[in-house]
């Protein structure tokens, strides 16, 4: 952040010079309103722009709100068969996902282009996949898989409709109710796969695709 340090040093020198001028010169030493506004905009731009050579992320902007178009992530399942259960209470928490019922072994397909950010096994989710969209704004979460597609690995670039795994009951899913637990997560600025804000995917999956 050398640029910011230099800017702060210039500001400090200006303040010391102003103090030395004394209170009687305050009116003369203040820049016109237009110049003050321009200086403020420049400071804000520097504060929100990563320095060259750093790995800092740009701030989250309004275009991080809407996900890309998605397809139903289970092969052969029609949009009309999906039900909104995002706000249902499961145990002591909201579901924050939808369950797509299908026979065990039905292919689970990528809802969007992207890449495999994480393959993870957890007690509640069983075999899971975290897929990031190409812009790394959203994460698609697939859980309760019976198994992964052959050769699937972290970092793999995938295309919409590509097989990722197969429907199952791993984790805490009832053994007699195979399904895909599917969630949509708006990522934070740090883009960590286990963090973010859950967004209801039902309206996007239930609506007919745009031409």
N, C-alpha and C. Protein backbone atom coordinates (compact mmCIF):
# COMPACT_ATOMS: atom_id res chain seq x y z
N UNK A 1 0.82 -1.20 0.00
CA UNK A 1 0.00 0.00 0.00
C UNK A 1 0.87 1.27 0.00
N UNK A 2 1.96 1.27 -0.80
CA UNK A 2 2.88 2.41 -0.82
C UNK A 2 2.16 3.68 -1.24
N UNK A 3 1.23 3.57 -2.21
CA UNK A 3 0.52 4.76 -2.69
C UNK A 3 -0.27 5.42 -1.57
N UNK A 4 -0.95 4.60 -0.77
CA UNK A 4 -1.73 5.14 0.34
C UNK A 4 -0.84 5.79 1.37
N UNK A 5 0.33 5.17 1.62
CA UNK A 5 1.25 5.74 2.61
C UNK A 5 1.76 7.10 2.15
N UNK A 6 2.09 7.22 0.86
CA UNK A 6 2.56 8.50 0.33
C UNK A 6 1.48 9.55 0.45
N UNK A 7 0.25 9.16 0.12
CA UNK A 7 -0.88 10.11 0.22
C UNK A 7 -1.07 10.60 1.64
N UNK A 8 -1.00 9.66 2.61
CA UNK A 8 -1.17 10.05 4.01
C UNK A 8 -0.06 10.99 4.44
N UNK A 9 1.17 10.74 3.94
CA UNK A 9 2.29 11.63 4.29
C UNK A 9 2.08 13.03 3.76
N UNK A 10 1.54 13.14 2.53
CA UNK A 10 1.28 14.47 1.95
C UNK A 10 0.21 15.19 2.76
N UNK A 11 -0.85 14.41 3.14
CA UNK A 11 -1.92 15.03 3.93
C UNK A 11 -1.38 15.52 5.26
N UNK A 12 -0.51 14.73 5.92
CA UNK A 12 0.05 15.11 7.21
C UNK A 12 0.88 16.38 7.10
N UNK A 13 1.68 16.46 6.02
CA UNK A 13 2.50 17.68 5.83
C UNK A 13 1.60 18.89 5.65
N UNK A 14 0.50 18.70 4.92
CA UNK A 14 -0.44 19.82 4.71
C UNK A 14 -1.07 20.27 6.01
N UNK A 15 -1.43 19.31 6.86
CA UNK A 15 -2.04 19.66 8.14
C UNK A 15 -1.07 20.44 9.01
N UNK A 16 0.20 19.99 9.05
CA UNK A 16 1.20 20.69 9.87
C UNK A 16 1.42 22.11 9.35
N UNK A 17 1.42 22.27 8.03
CA UNK A 17 1.60 23.61 7.47
C UNK A 17 0.42 24.51 7.81
N UNK A 18 -0.78 23.95 7.78
CA UNK A 18 -1.98 24.71 8.12
C UNK A 18 -1.96 25.16 9.58
N UNK A 19 -1.50 24.22 10.47
CA UNK A 19 -1.42 24.57 11.89
C UNK A 19 -0.40 25.68 12.11
N UNK A 20 0.70 25.62 11.35
CA UNK A 20 1.72 26.65 11.52
C UNK A 20 1.23 28.01 11.05
N UNK A 21 0.32 28.03 10.09
CA UNK A 21 -0.19 29.29 9.58
C UNK A 21 -1.03 30.03 10.60
N UNK A 22 -1.64 29.28 11.55
CA UNK A 22 -2.40 29.93 12.61
C UNK A 22 -3.86 30.10 12.25
N UNK A 23 -4.73 30.27 13.26
CA UNK A 23 -6.17 30.37 13.05
C UNK A 23 -6.56 31.51 12.14
N UNK A 24 -5.79 32.62 12.10
CA UNK A 24 -6.19 33.77 11.31
C UNK A 24 -6.17 33.48 9.82
N UNK A 25 -5.41 32.43 9.42
CA UNK A 25 -5.28 32.14 8.00
C UNK A 25 -6.14 30.96 7.56
N UNK A 26 -7.06 30.50 8.41
CA UNK A 26 -7.88 29.34 8.09
C UNK A 26 -8.68 29.58 6.82
N UNK A 27 -9.36 30.71 6.71
CA UNK A 27 -10.21 30.98 5.55
C UNK A 27 -9.41 31.00 4.27
N UNK A 28 -8.21 31.61 4.29
CA UNK A 28 -7.41 31.69 3.08
C UNK A 28 -6.85 30.33 2.69
N UNK A 29 -6.55 29.46 3.69
CA UNK A 29 -5.87 28.20 3.39
C UNK A 29 -6.82 27.12 2.92
N UNK A 30 -8.13 27.28 3.09
CA UNK A 30 -9.08 26.25 2.68
C UNK A 30 -9.27 26.31 1.17
N UNK A 31 -9.22 25.14 0.45
CA UNK A 31 -9.43 25.13 -0.99
C UNK A 31 -10.90 25.36 -1.31
N UNK A 32 -11.21 25.79 -2.54
CA UNK A 32 -12.60 25.96 -2.96
C UNK A 32 -13.37 24.66 -2.84
N UNK A 33 -14.72 24.71 -2.74
CA UNK A 33 -15.53 23.49 -2.60
C UNK A 33 -15.28 22.47 -3.70
N UNK A 34 -15.13 22.91 -4.94
CA UNK A 34 -14.92 21.96 -6.04
C UNK A 34 -13.63 21.17 -5.86
N UNK A 35 -12.57 21.90 -5.38
CA UNK A 35 -11.30 21.21 -5.17
C UNK A 35 -11.39 20.23 -4.02
N UNK A 36 -12.13 20.62 -2.97
CA UNK A 36 -12.29 19.71 -1.83
C UNK A 36 -13.03 18.44 -2.26
N UNK A 37 -14.07 18.58 -3.08
CA UNK A 37 -14.83 17.42 -3.54
C UNK A 37 -13.96 16.50 -4.39
N UNK A 38 -13.14 17.09 -5.27
CA UNK A 38 -12.26 16.30 -6.12
C UNK A 38 -11.24 15.53 -5.29
N UNK A 39 -10.70 16.19 -4.26
CA UNK A 39 -9.73 15.53 -3.39
C UNK A 39 -10.38 14.38 -2.64
N UNK A 40 -11.62 14.60 -2.20
CA UNK A 40 -12.32 13.53 -1.47
C UNK A 40 -12.56 12.32 -2.37
N UNK A 41 -12.96 12.58 -3.63
CA UNK A 41 -13.19 11.47 -4.55
C UNK A 41 -11.89 10.72 -4.84
N UNK A 42 -10.80 11.44 -4.96
CA UNK A 42 -9.51 10.79 -5.21
C UNK A 42 -9.10 9.91 -4.04
N UNK A 43 -9.31 10.40 -2.82
CA UNK A 43 -8.96 9.62 -1.64
C UNK A 43 -9.80 8.36 -1.54
N UNK A 44 -11.10 8.48 -1.86
CA UNK A 44 -11.97 7.31 -1.82
C UNK A 44 -11.56 6.29 -2.86
N UNK A 45 -11.15 6.76 -4.04
CA UNK A 45 -10.73 5.83 -5.09
C UNK A 45 -9.49 5.06 -4.67
N UNK A 46 -8.54 5.75 -4.05
CA UNK A 46 -7.32 5.09 -3.60
C UNK A 46 -7.62 4.08 -2.50
N UNK A 47 -8.53 4.45 -1.60
CA UNK A 47 -8.85 3.58 -0.47
C UNK A 47 -9.52 2.30 -0.89
N UNK A 48 -10.25 2.30 -2.02
CA UNK A 48 -11.00 1.11 -2.44
C UNK A 48 -10.34 0.38 -3.59
N UNK A 49 -9.17 0.79 -4.03
CA UNK A 49 -8.47 0.14 -5.14
C UNK A 49 -7.27 -0.61 -4.61
N UNK A 50 -7.16 -1.93 -4.92
CA UNK A 50 -6.00 -2.68 -4.43
C UNK A 50 -4.70 -2.14 -5.02
N UNK A 51 -3.65 -2.12 -4.21
CA UNK A 51 -2.36 -1.69 -4.71
C UNK A 51 -1.80 -2.71 -5.68
N UNK A 52 -1.01 -2.26 -6.64
CA UNK A 52 -0.44 -3.15 -7.64
C UNK A 52 0.44 -4.18 -6.94
N UNK A 53 0.27 -5.45 -7.33
CA UNK A 53 1.09 -6.52 -6.76
C UNK A 53 0.51 -7.14 -5.51
N UNK A 54 -0.63 -6.66 -5.01
CA UNK A 54 -1.24 -7.24 -3.83
C UNK A 54 -2.31 -8.23 -4.25
N UNK A 55 -2.83 -9.01 -3.29
CA UNK A 55 -3.89 -9.98 -3.57
C UNK A 55 -5.21 -9.54 -2.99
N UNK A 56 -5.35 -8.27 -2.64
CA UNK A 56 -6.58 -7.78 -2.05
C UNK A 56 -7.70 -7.81 -3.08
N UNK A 57 -8.93 -8.14 -2.60
CA UNK A 57 -10.09 -8.20 -3.46
C UNK A 57 -10.71 -6.82 -3.63
N UNK A 58 -11.32 -6.59 -4.77
CA UNK A 58 -12.10 -5.37 -4.96
C UNK A 58 -13.34 -5.45 -4.09
N UNK A 59 -13.90 -4.30 -3.68
CA UNK A 59 -15.08 -4.33 -2.83
C UNK A 59 -16.27 -4.92 -3.57
N UNK A 60 -17.21 -5.50 -2.80
CA UNK A 60 -18.42 -6.06 -3.38
C UNK A 60 -19.26 -4.92 -3.95
N UNK A 61 -19.72 -5.09 -5.18
CA UNK A 61 -20.51 -4.07 -5.85
C UNK A 61 -21.91 -4.59 -6.14
N UNK A 62 -22.85 -3.72 -6.54
CA UNK A 62 -24.23 -4.16 -6.75
C UNK A 62 -24.38 -5.27 -7.77
N UNK A 63 -23.45 -5.45 -8.71
CA UNK A 63 -23.61 -6.51 -9.69
C UNK A 63 -23.37 -7.89 -9.09
N UNK A 64 -23.06 -7.96 -7.78
CA UNK A 64 -22.93 -9.24 -7.11
C UNK A 64 -24.29 -9.76 -6.64
N UNK A 65 -25.38 -9.13 -7.02
CA UNK A 65 -26.68 -9.47 -6.47
C UNK A 65 -27.34 -10.62 -7.23
N UNK A 66 -27.33 -10.60 -8.55
CA UNK A 66 -28.09 -11.56 -9.34
C UNK A 66 -27.21 -12.69 -9.85
N UNK A 67 -27.64 -13.95 -9.66
CA UNK A 67 -26.88 -15.07 -10.18
C UNK A 67 -27.07 -15.22 -11.69
N UNK A 68 -26.23 -16.02 -12.30
CA UNK A 68 -26.36 -16.32 -13.71
C UNK A 68 -27.53 -17.29 -13.92
N UNK A 69 -28.03 -17.44 -15.16
CA UNK A 69 -29.10 -18.41 -15.42
C UNK A 69 -28.67 -19.82 -15.03
N UNK A 70 -29.59 -20.58 -14.43
CA UNK A 70 -29.28 -21.93 -13.95
C UNK A 70 -30.24 -22.93 -14.56
N UNK A 71 -29.80 -24.18 -14.65
CA UNK A 71 -30.68 -25.27 -15.04
C UNK A 71 -30.89 -26.18 -13.84
N UNK A 72 -31.93 -27.01 -13.89
CA UNK A 72 -32.19 -27.95 -12.80
C UNK A 72 -31.00 -28.89 -12.69
N UNK A 73 -30.40 -29.01 -11.50
CA UNK A 73 -29.15 -29.76 -11.38
C UNK A 73 -29.30 -31.28 -11.23
N UNK A 74 -30.46 -31.82 -11.56
CA UNK A 74 -30.65 -33.27 -11.57
C UNK A 74 -31.20 -33.66 -12.94
N UNK A 75 -30.52 -34.56 -13.60
CA UNK A 75 -30.89 -34.96 -14.97
C UNK A 75 -32.30 -35.52 -15.01
N UNK A 76 -33.10 -35.06 -15.97
CA UNK A 76 -34.42 -35.61 -16.19
C UNK A 76 -35.51 -35.04 -15.31
N UNK A 77 -35.17 -34.16 -14.37
CA UNK A 77 -36.18 -33.57 -13.47
C UNK A 77 -36.71 -32.29 -14.09
N UNK A 78 -38.04 -32.20 -14.24
CA UNK A 78 -38.66 -31.03 -14.82
C UNK A 78 -38.77 -29.92 -13.77
N UNK A 79 -38.76 -28.68 -14.25
CA UNK A 79 -38.88 -27.54 -13.34
C UNK A 79 -40.17 -27.59 -12.53
N UNK A 80 -41.21 -28.12 -13.11
CA UNK A 80 -42.51 -28.16 -12.41
C UNK A 80 -42.50 -29.11 -11.22
N UNK A 81 -41.51 -30.00 -11.15
CA UNK A 81 -41.43 -30.96 -10.05
C UNK A 81 -40.69 -30.41 -8.84
N UNK A 82 -40.17 -29.19 -8.96
CA UNK A 82 -39.41 -28.59 -7.86
C UNK A 82 -40.35 -27.82 -6.94
N UNK A 83 -40.11 -27.91 -5.65
CA UNK A 83 -40.94 -27.22 -4.66
C UNK A 83 -40.08 -26.28 -3.82
N UNK A 84 -40.67 -25.16 -3.43
CA UNK A 84 -39.96 -24.16 -2.62
C UNK A 84 -39.99 -24.58 -1.15
N UNK A 85 -38.84 -24.91 -0.61
CA UNK A 85 -38.74 -25.30 0.80
C UNK A 85 -37.60 -24.55 1.49
N UNK A 86 -37.23 -23.42 0.90
CA UNK A 86 -36.10 -22.64 1.41
C UNK A 86 -36.33 -22.20 2.85
N UNK A 87 -37.55 -21.77 3.18
CA UNK A 87 -37.83 -21.23 4.51
C UNK A 87 -38.35 -22.27 5.49
N UNK A 88 -38.43 -23.52 5.09
CA UNK A 88 -38.88 -24.55 6.02
C UNK A 88 -37.88 -24.70 7.17
N UNK A 89 -38.39 -25.04 8.33
CA UNK A 89 -37.54 -25.24 9.51
C UNK A 89 -37.18 -26.71 9.60
N UNK A 90 -35.90 -26.99 9.64
CA UNK A 90 -35.38 -28.34 9.79
C UNK A 90 -34.57 -28.39 11.08
N UNK A 91 -35.12 -29.07 12.09
CA UNK A 91 -34.46 -29.08 13.39
C UNK A 91 -34.58 -27.71 14.03
N UNK A 92 -33.44 -27.04 14.21
CA UNK A 92 -33.45 -25.71 14.85
C UNK A 92 -32.98 -24.62 13.89
N UNK A 93 -33.03 -24.88 12.58
CA UNK A 93 -32.57 -23.87 11.64
C UNK A 93 -33.39 -23.93 10.35
N UNK A 94 -33.30 -22.84 9.59
CA UNK A 94 -33.97 -22.82 8.29
C UNK A 94 -33.26 -23.76 7.33
N UNK A 95 -34.01 -24.31 6.40
CA UNK A 95 -33.45 -25.24 5.43
C UNK A 95 -32.45 -24.53 4.50
N UNK A 96 -32.84 -23.37 3.99
CA UNK A 96 -32.00 -22.53 3.13
C UNK A 96 -31.48 -23.30 1.91
N UNK A 97 -32.32 -24.16 1.37
CA UNK A 97 -31.97 -24.94 0.18
C UNK A 97 -33.25 -25.56 -0.35
N UNK A 98 -33.15 -26.26 -1.47
CA UNK A 98 -34.27 -27.05 -1.96
C UNK A 98 -33.81 -28.49 -2.12
N UNK A 99 -34.71 -29.44 -1.89
CA UNK A 99 -34.42 -30.85 -2.08
C UNK A 99 -35.08 -31.30 -3.38
N UNK A 100 -34.30 -31.89 -4.26
CA UNK A 100 -34.80 -32.35 -5.54
C UNK A 100 -34.80 -33.88 -5.50
N UNK A 101 -36.00 -34.45 -5.42
CA UNK A 101 -36.14 -35.89 -5.28
C UNK A 101 -35.86 -36.58 -6.61
N UNK A 102 -35.16 -37.73 -6.55
CA UNK A 102 -34.84 -38.51 -7.74
C UNK A 102 -34.34 -39.88 -7.29
N UNK A 103 -34.47 -40.88 -8.13
CA UNK A 103 -33.97 -42.21 -7.76
C UNK A 103 -32.46 -42.19 -7.50
N UNK A 104 -32.05 -43.06 -6.62
CA UNK A 104 -30.62 -43.17 -6.32
C UNK A 104 -29.84 -43.46 -7.61
N UNK A 105 -28.73 -42.76 -7.78
CA UNK A 105 -27.90 -42.97 -8.95
C UNK A 105 -28.23 -42.06 -10.12
N UNK A 106 -29.28 -41.23 -9.99
CA UNK A 106 -29.59 -40.27 -11.05
C UNK A 106 -28.45 -39.27 -11.16
N UNK A 107 -28.01 -38.94 -12.37
CA UNK A 107 -26.89 -37.99 -12.50
C UNK A 107 -27.24 -36.62 -11.93
N UNK A 108 -26.31 -36.07 -11.16
CA UNK A 108 -26.37 -34.68 -10.71
C UNK A 108 -25.51 -33.89 -11.68
N UNK A 109 -26.10 -32.84 -12.26
CA UNK A 109 -25.39 -32.10 -13.31
C UNK A 109 -25.13 -30.66 -12.86
N UNK A 110 -24.13 -30.05 -13.46
CA UNK A 110 -23.77 -28.67 -13.11
C UNK A 110 -24.90 -27.73 -13.52
N UNK A 111 -25.35 -26.93 -12.57
CA UNK A 111 -26.43 -25.99 -12.83
C UNK A 111 -25.97 -24.80 -13.67
N UNK A 112 -24.65 -24.60 -13.72
CA UNK A 112 -24.08 -23.46 -14.44
C UNK A 112 -22.63 -23.78 -14.77
N UNK A 113 -22.05 -23.02 -15.68
CA UNK A 113 -20.61 -23.11 -15.91
C UNK A 113 -19.87 -22.71 -14.63
N UNK A 114 -18.65 -23.15 -14.49
CA UNK A 114 -17.86 -22.74 -13.33
C UNK A 114 -16.69 -23.67 -13.11
N UNK A 115 -16.31 -23.82 -11.84
CA UNK A 115 -15.23 -24.74 -11.51
C UNK A 115 -15.45 -25.29 -10.12
N UNK A 116 -14.91 -26.49 -9.88
CA UNK A 116 -15.07 -27.15 -8.58
C UNK A 116 -14.14 -26.48 -7.59
N UNK A 117 -14.71 -25.79 -6.63
CA UNK A 117 -13.90 -25.11 -5.62
C UNK A 117 -13.51 -26.06 -4.50
N UNK A 118 -14.46 -26.96 -4.10
CA UNK A 118 -14.16 -27.83 -2.97
C UNK A 118 -15.00 -29.11 -3.06
N UNK A 119 -14.35 -30.25 -2.80
CA UNK A 119 -15.02 -31.52 -2.57
C UNK A 119 -14.88 -31.81 -1.08
N UNK A 120 -16.02 -32.05 -0.43
CA UNK A 120 -15.98 -32.10 1.03
C UNK A 120 -16.96 -33.14 1.53
N UNK A 121 -16.58 -33.85 2.58
CA UNK A 121 -17.47 -34.82 3.23
C UNK A 121 -17.78 -34.32 4.63
N UNK A 122 -19.09 -34.16 4.92
CA UNK A 122 -19.49 -33.68 6.23
C UNK A 122 -20.55 -34.61 6.82
N UNK A 123 -20.76 -34.50 8.12
CA UNK A 123 -21.77 -35.34 8.78
C UNK A 123 -23.17 -35.03 8.26
N UNK A 124 -23.58 -33.77 8.17
CA UNK A 124 -24.94 -33.51 7.67
C UNK A 124 -25.07 -33.65 6.16
N UNK A 125 -24.09 -33.17 5.41
CA UNK A 125 -24.22 -33.13 3.95
C UNK A 125 -23.71 -34.36 3.23
N UNK A 126 -22.94 -35.20 3.90
CA UNK A 126 -22.36 -36.35 3.24
C UNK A 126 -21.35 -35.92 2.19
N UNK A 127 -21.40 -36.57 1.03
CA UNK A 127 -20.52 -36.17 -0.07
C UNK A 127 -21.08 -34.90 -0.69
N UNK A 128 -20.26 -33.85 -0.72
CA UNK A 128 -20.73 -32.56 -1.20
C UNK A 128 -19.77 -31.97 -2.23
N UNK A 129 -20.32 -31.04 -3.02
CA UNK A 129 -19.54 -30.30 -4.01
C UNK A 129 -19.85 -28.83 -3.85
N UNK A 130 -18.82 -28.00 -3.84
CA UNK A 130 -18.96 -26.55 -3.88
C UNK A 130 -18.44 -26.09 -5.23
N UNK A 131 -19.35 -25.58 -6.07
CA UNK A 131 -18.97 -25.08 -7.38
C UNK A 131 -19.08 -23.55 -7.40
N UNK A 132 -18.04 -22.88 -7.85
CA UNK A 132 -18.08 -21.42 -8.02
C UNK A 132 -18.46 -21.11 -9.47
N UNK A 133 -19.25 -20.05 -9.66
CA UNK A 133 -19.54 -19.61 -11.01
C UNK A 133 -18.29 -18.96 -11.61
N UNK A 134 -18.26 -18.70 -12.91
CA UNK A 134 -17.04 -18.18 -13.54
C UNK A 134 -16.56 -16.86 -12.95
N UNK A 135 -17.48 -16.04 -12.44
CA UNK A 135 -17.11 -14.74 -11.89
C UNK A 135 -16.80 -14.80 -10.40
N UNK A 136 -16.93 -15.98 -9.79
CA UNK A 136 -16.71 -16.18 -8.36
C UNK A 136 -17.59 -15.24 -7.53
N UNK A 137 -18.82 -15.07 -7.99
CA UNK A 137 -19.79 -14.27 -7.23
C UNK A 137 -20.72 -15.17 -6.43
N UNK A 138 -21.01 -16.35 -6.99
CA UNK A 138 -21.93 -17.29 -6.35
C UNK A 138 -21.31 -18.67 -6.26
N UNK A 139 -21.78 -19.41 -5.24
CA UNK A 139 -21.37 -20.80 -5.04
C UNK A 139 -22.61 -21.67 -5.14
N UNK A 140 -22.50 -22.77 -5.88
CA UNK A 140 -23.57 -23.77 -5.97
C UNK A 140 -23.16 -24.96 -5.12
N UNK A 141 -24.06 -25.36 -4.22
CA UNK A 141 -23.74 -26.41 -3.25
C UNK A 141 -24.61 -27.64 -3.52
N UNK A 142 -23.96 -28.78 -3.73
CA UNK A 142 -24.64 -30.04 -4.01
C UNK A 142 -24.31 -31.02 -2.87
N UNK A 143 -25.34 -31.62 -2.26
CA UNK A 143 -25.08 -32.47 -1.10
C UNK A 143 -25.89 -33.78 -1.16
N UNK A 144 -25.52 -34.70 -0.26
CA UNK A 144 -26.13 -36.04 -0.12
C UNK A 144 -25.82 -36.93 -1.33
N UNK A 145 -24.70 -36.69 -2.01
CA UNK A 145 -24.38 -37.47 -3.19
C UNK A 145 -24.06 -38.93 -2.82
N UNK A 146 -24.40 -39.83 -3.75
CA UNK A 146 -24.06 -41.23 -3.58
C UNK A 146 -22.58 -41.45 -3.89
N UNK A 147 -22.12 -40.77 -4.94
CA UNK A 147 -20.70 -40.78 -5.31
C UNK A 147 -20.44 -39.64 -6.28
N UNK A 148 -19.15 -39.32 -6.45
CA UNK A 148 -18.75 -38.31 -7.41
C UNK A 148 -18.62 -38.94 -8.80
N UNK A 149 -18.69 -38.09 -9.81
CA UNK A 149 -18.38 -38.54 -11.17
C UNK A 149 -16.91 -38.95 -11.22
N UNK A 150 -16.62 -39.94 -12.04
CA UNK A 150 -15.25 -40.44 -12.15
C UNK A 150 -14.30 -39.30 -12.53
N UNK A 151 -13.23 -39.16 -11.77
CA UNK A 151 -12.20 -38.18 -12.09
C UNK A 151 -12.48 -36.77 -11.62
N UNK A 152 -13.63 -36.53 -11.01
CA UNK A 152 -13.94 -35.17 -10.54
C UNK A 152 -12.91 -34.73 -9.52
N UNK A 153 -12.41 -33.51 -9.66
CA UNK A 153 -11.38 -33.04 -8.73
C UNK A 153 -11.50 -31.53 -8.51
N UNK A 154 -10.94 -31.07 -7.42
CA UNK A 154 -10.96 -29.65 -7.09
C UNK A 154 -10.17 -28.87 -8.13
N UNK A 155 -10.71 -27.72 -8.51
CA UNK A 155 -10.09 -26.88 -9.52
C UNK A 155 -10.55 -27.21 -10.93
N UNK A 156 -11.31 -28.28 -11.09
CA UNK A 156 -11.74 -28.70 -12.43
C UNK A 156 -12.74 -27.70 -13.01
N UNK A 157 -12.51 -27.27 -14.23
CA UNK A 157 -13.43 -26.39 -14.93
C UNK A 157 -14.56 -27.25 -15.49
N UNK A 158 -15.81 -26.82 -15.26
CA UNK A 158 -16.95 -27.61 -15.69
C UNK A 158 -17.93 -26.74 -16.46
N UNK A 159 -18.74 -27.39 -17.26
CA UNK A 159 -19.73 -26.69 -18.07
C UNK A 159 -21.14 -27.06 -17.64
N UNK A 160 -22.06 -26.14 -17.85
CA UNK A 160 -23.46 -26.36 -17.52
C UNK A 160 -23.94 -27.68 -18.14
N UNK A 161 -24.54 -28.54 -17.29
CA UNK A 161 -25.05 -29.82 -17.76
C UNK A 161 -24.07 -30.98 -17.62
N UNK A 162 -22.83 -30.70 -17.26
CA UNK A 162 -21.83 -31.76 -17.09
C UNK A 162 -22.12 -32.55 -15.82
N UNK A 163 -21.93 -33.87 -15.88
CA UNK A 163 -22.21 -34.72 -14.71
C UNK A 163 -21.15 -34.50 -13.63
N UNK A 164 -21.63 -34.21 -12.41
CA UNK A 164 -20.75 -33.99 -11.27
C UNK A 164 -20.74 -35.18 -10.32
N UNK A 165 -21.87 -35.86 -10.23
CA UNK A 165 -22.01 -36.97 -9.29
C UNK A 165 -23.38 -37.61 -9.48
N UNK A 166 -23.82 -38.30 -8.40
CA UNK A 166 -25.06 -39.06 -8.52
C UNK A 166 -25.87 -38.93 -7.23
N UNK A 167 -27.18 -38.86 -7.40
CA UNK A 167 -28.10 -38.68 -6.27
C UNK A 167 -27.95 -39.83 -5.28
N UNK A 168 -27.98 -39.49 -3.99
CA UNK A 168 -27.86 -40.53 -2.97
C UNK A 168 -28.49 -40.11 -1.67
N UNK A 169 -28.01 -40.69 -0.58
CA UNK A 169 -28.52 -40.39 0.76
C UNK A 169 -27.38 -40.26 1.76
N UNK A 170 -26.21 -39.86 1.30
CA UNK A 170 -25.09 -39.72 2.23
C UNK A 170 -25.36 -38.59 3.21
N UNK A 171 -24.65 -38.60 4.32
CA UNK A 171 -24.90 -37.58 5.34
C UNK A 171 -26.14 -37.94 6.15
N UNK A 172 -26.93 -36.93 6.49
CA UNK A 172 -28.11 -37.17 7.33
C UNK A 172 -29.40 -37.33 6.54
N UNK A 173 -29.32 -37.60 5.23
CA UNK A 173 -30.53 -37.80 4.43
C UNK A 173 -31.17 -39.14 4.79
N UNK A 174 -32.50 -39.20 4.84
CA UNK A 174 -33.19 -40.48 5.10
C UNK A 174 -32.81 -41.52 4.04
N UNK A 175 -32.52 -42.71 4.46
CA UNK A 175 -32.04 -43.75 3.57
C UNK A 175 -33.06 -44.09 2.49
N UNK A 176 -34.35 -43.88 2.79
CA UNK A 176 -35.40 -44.22 1.83
C UNK A 176 -35.87 -43.02 1.01
N UNK A 177 -35.14 -41.91 1.06
CA UNK A 177 -35.54 -40.70 0.33
C UNK A 177 -34.34 -40.08 -0.38
N UNK A 178 -33.80 -40.75 -1.38
CA UNK A 178 -32.66 -40.17 -2.10
C UNK A 178 -33.05 -38.85 -2.76
N UNK A 179 -32.17 -37.89 -2.65
CA UNK A 179 -32.45 -36.57 -3.23
C UNK A 179 -31.15 -35.76 -3.27
N UNK A 180 -31.21 -34.68 -4.05
CA UNK A 180 -30.11 -33.71 -4.06
C UNK A 180 -30.52 -32.52 -3.21
N UNK A 181 -29.69 -32.20 -2.24
CA UNK A 181 -29.84 -30.97 -1.46
C UNK A 181 -29.05 -29.91 -2.21
N UNK A 182 -29.75 -28.90 -2.72
CA UNK A 182 -29.10 -27.90 -3.57
C UNK A 182 -29.28 -26.52 -2.96
N UNK A 183 -28.18 -25.79 -2.83
CA UNK A 183 -28.20 -24.45 -2.25
C UNK A 183 -27.44 -23.48 -3.14
N UNK A 184 -27.86 -22.22 -3.06
CA UNK A 184 -27.23 -21.13 -3.80
C UNK A 184 -26.69 -20.13 -2.78
N UNK A 185 -25.40 -19.83 -2.85
CA UNK A 185 -24.75 -18.98 -1.86
C UNK A 185 -24.11 -17.78 -2.55
N UNK A 186 -24.50 -16.58 -2.15
CA UNK A 186 -23.82 -15.37 -2.65
C UNK A 186 -22.55 -15.19 -1.83
N UNK A 187 -21.42 -15.21 -2.49
CA UNK A 187 -20.14 -15.19 -1.80
C UNK A 187 -19.82 -13.81 -1.23
N UNK A 188 -19.11 -13.81 -0.10
CA UNK A 188 -18.57 -12.58 0.46
C UNK A 188 -17.38 -12.13 -0.38
N UNK A 189 -16.86 -10.95 -0.06
CA UNK A 189 -15.72 -10.42 -0.81
C UNK A 189 -14.49 -11.31 -0.71
N UNK A 190 -14.37 -12.07 0.39
CA UNK A 190 -13.19 -12.94 0.54
C UNK A 190 -13.34 -14.27 -0.20
N UNK A 191 -14.53 -14.56 -0.70
CA UNK A 191 -14.81 -15.73 -1.54
C UNK A 191 -14.40 -17.05 -0.88
N UNK A 192 -14.70 -17.20 0.39
CA UNK A 192 -14.43 -18.46 1.07
C UNK A 192 -15.63 -19.38 0.88
N UNK A 193 -15.38 -20.63 0.53
CA UNK A 193 -16.45 -21.53 0.13
C UNK A 193 -17.41 -21.86 1.26
N UNK A 194 -16.99 -21.72 2.50
CA UNK A 194 -17.85 -22.06 3.63
C UNK A 194 -18.62 -20.84 4.18
N UNK A 195 -18.45 -19.70 3.54
CA UNK A 195 -19.12 -18.49 4.00
C UNK A 195 -19.99 -17.90 2.89
N UNK A 196 -20.82 -16.94 3.27
CA UNK A 196 -21.64 -16.25 2.29
C UNK A 196 -23.08 -16.16 2.75
N UNK A 197 -23.93 -15.65 1.88
CA UNK A 197 -25.35 -15.46 2.19
C UNK A 197 -26.18 -16.40 1.33
N UNK A 198 -27.01 -17.20 1.97
CA UNK A 198 -27.84 -18.15 1.23
C UNK A 198 -28.98 -17.40 0.53
N UNK A 199 -29.18 -17.74 -0.74
CA UNK A 199 -30.21 -17.13 -1.57
C UNK A 199 -31.14 -18.24 -2.05
N UNK A 200 -32.43 -17.97 -2.07
CA UNK A 200 -33.40 -18.99 -2.48
C UNK A 200 -33.23 -19.28 -3.98
N UNK A 201 -32.85 -20.52 -4.35
CA UNK A 201 -32.67 -20.83 -5.78
C UNK A 201 -33.98 -21.17 -6.49
N UNK A 202 -35.05 -21.37 -5.71
CA UNK A 202 -36.30 -21.83 -6.32
C UNK A 202 -36.82 -20.92 -7.42
N UNK A 203 -36.89 -19.59 -7.21
CA UNK A 203 -37.43 -18.75 -8.28
C UNK A 203 -36.64 -18.87 -9.59
N UNK A 204 -35.33 -19.04 -9.49
CA UNK A 204 -34.51 -19.16 -10.69
C UNK A 204 -34.70 -20.50 -11.39
N UNK A 205 -34.87 -21.57 -10.60
CA UNK A 205 -35.01 -22.91 -11.18
C UNK A 205 -36.44 -23.19 -11.61
N UNK A 206 -37.41 -22.59 -10.94
CA UNK A 206 -38.82 -22.85 -11.26
C UNK A 206 -39.28 -22.05 -12.47
N UNK A 207 -38.63 -20.93 -12.76
CA UNK A 207 -39.04 -20.10 -13.90
C UNK A 207 -38.53 -20.71 -15.19
N UNK A 208 -39.29 -20.60 -16.29
CA UNK A 208 -38.81 -21.12 -17.56
C UNK A 208 -37.59 -20.34 -18.02
N UNK A 209 -36.65 -21.00 -18.67
CA UNK A 209 -35.44 -20.30 -19.11
C UNK A 209 -35.75 -19.22 -20.12
N UNK A 210 -35.00 -18.13 -20.08
CA UNK A 210 -35.21 -17.05 -21.02
C UNK A 210 -34.67 -17.45 -22.39
N UNK A 211 -35.36 -17.03 -23.48
CA UNK A 211 -34.90 -17.40 -24.83
C UNK A 211 -33.56 -16.76 -25.15
